[in-house]
C-alpha atoms as a PDB file:
ATOM      1  CA  MET A   1      22.498  18.318   8.744  1.00  0.00           C
ATOM      2  CA  THR A   2      24.987  14.933  10.497  1.00  0.00           C
ATOM      3  CA  ASN A   3      24.594  11.694   8.413  1.00  0.00           C
ATOM      4  CA  LYS A   4      21.830   9.372   9.175  1.00  0.00           C
ATOM      5  CA  GLY A   5      23.193   6.223   7.841  1.00  0.00           C
ATOM      6  CA  GLY A   6      21.750   4.132   5.311  1.00  0.00           C
ATOM      7  CA  ARG A   7      23.389   3.185   1.539  1.00  0.00           C
ATOM      8  CA  PRO A   8      27.256   4.816   1.183  1.00  0.00           C
ATOM      9  CA  ARG A   9      27.484   6.956  -1.774  1.00  0.00           C
ATOM     10  CA  LEU A  10      28.848   5.121  -5.050  1.00  0.00           C
ATOM     11  CA  SER A  11      31.778   6.755  -7.003  1.00  0.00           C
ATOM     12  CA  ALA A  12      31.407   8.316 -10.196  1.00  0.00           C
ATOM     13  CA  SER A  13      32.855   5.284 -11.930  1.00  0.00           C
ATOM     14  CA  GLN A  14      30.445   2.787 -10.048  1.00  0.00           C
ATOM     15  CA  LYS A  15      27.412   4.907 -10.827  1.00  0.00           C
ATOM     16  CA  LYS A  16      25.056   3.691 -13.855  1.00  0.00           C
ATOM     17  CA  LYS A  17      24.574   6.764 -16.295  1.00  0.00           C
ATOM     18  CA  TYR A  18      22.893   5.504 -19.413  1.00  0.00           C
ATOM     19  CA  LYS A  19      20.051   3.528 -19.722  1.00  0.00           C
ATOM     20  CA  VAL A  20      19.039   1.985 -23.242  1.00  0.00           C
ATOM     21  CA  ASP A  21      15.314   0.220 -24.083  1.00  0.00           C
ATOM     22  CA  VAL A  22      15.605  -2.651 -25.960  1.00  0.00           C
ATOM     23  CA  LYS A  23      12.630  -4.038 -28.032  1.00  0.00           C
ATOM     24  CA  MET A  24      12.306  -7.675 -28.640  1.00  0.00           C
ATOM     25  CA  SER A  25       9.886 -10.350 -29.376  1.00  0.00           C
ATOM     26  CA  THR A  26       8.311 -12.685 -26.698  1.00  0.00           C
ATOM     27  CA  GLU A  27      10.379 -15.415 -27.566  1.00  0.00           C
ATOM     28  CA  GLU A  28      13.689 -13.851 -27.469  1.00  0.00           C
ATOM     29  CA  TYR A  29      12.449 -12.596 -23.958  1.00  0.00           C
ATOM     30  CA  TYR A  30      12.147 -15.276 -22.628  1.00  0.00           C
ATOM     31  CA  THR A  31      15.285 -16.958 -24.568  1.00  0.00           C
ATOM     32  CA  LEU A  32      16.955 -13.838 -22.261  1.00  0.00           C
ATOM     33  CA  LYS A  33      15.156 -14.737 -19.052  1.00  0.00           C
ATOM     34  CA  SER A  34      16.182 -18.486 -19.157  1.00  0.00           C
ATOM     35  CA  LYS A  35      19.871 -18.303 -20.039  1.00  0.00           C
ATOM     36  CA  ALA A  36      19.864 -15.069 -17.467  1.00  0.00           C
ATOM     37  CA  MET A  37      18.523 -17.832 -15.087  1.00  0.00           C
ATOM     38  CA  GLU A  38      21.208 -20.315 -16.311  1.00  0.00           C
ATOM     39  CA  ALA A  39      24.257 -17.738 -15.532  1.00  0.00           C
ATOM     40  CA  GLY A  40      23.018 -17.111 -11.735  1.00  0.00           C
ATOM     41  CA  ARG A  41      22.693 -13.405 -13.071  1.00  0.00           C
ATOM     42  CA  ASN A  42      19.676 -11.309 -13.238  1.00  0.00           C
ATOM     43  CA  LYS A  43      18.622  -9.790 -16.962  1.00  0.00           C
ATOM     44  CA  SER A  44      20.499  -6.855 -16.431  1.00  0.00           C
ATOM     45  CA  GLU A  45      23.843  -8.370 -15.369  1.00  0.00           C
ATOM     46  CA  TYR A  46      23.205 -10.829 -17.850  1.00  0.00           C
ATOM     47  CA  ILE A  47      23.310  -8.194 -20.722  1.00  0.00           C
ATOM     48  CA  ARG A  48      26.230  -6.475 -19.457  1.00  0.00           C
ATOM     49  CA  GLN A  49      28.851  -9.227 -19.399  1.00  0.00           C
END
């Protein structure tokens, strides 16, 4: 089968392999959300930095 285009594959070092679930209070969630917005990132990117 030939390549029909689409998104290129990520290298092994670029793939995200782990998922972490975190429970937080409403206040903690909205604090995270506002800090991420101020930093110009989404919540996941903000946590990873």
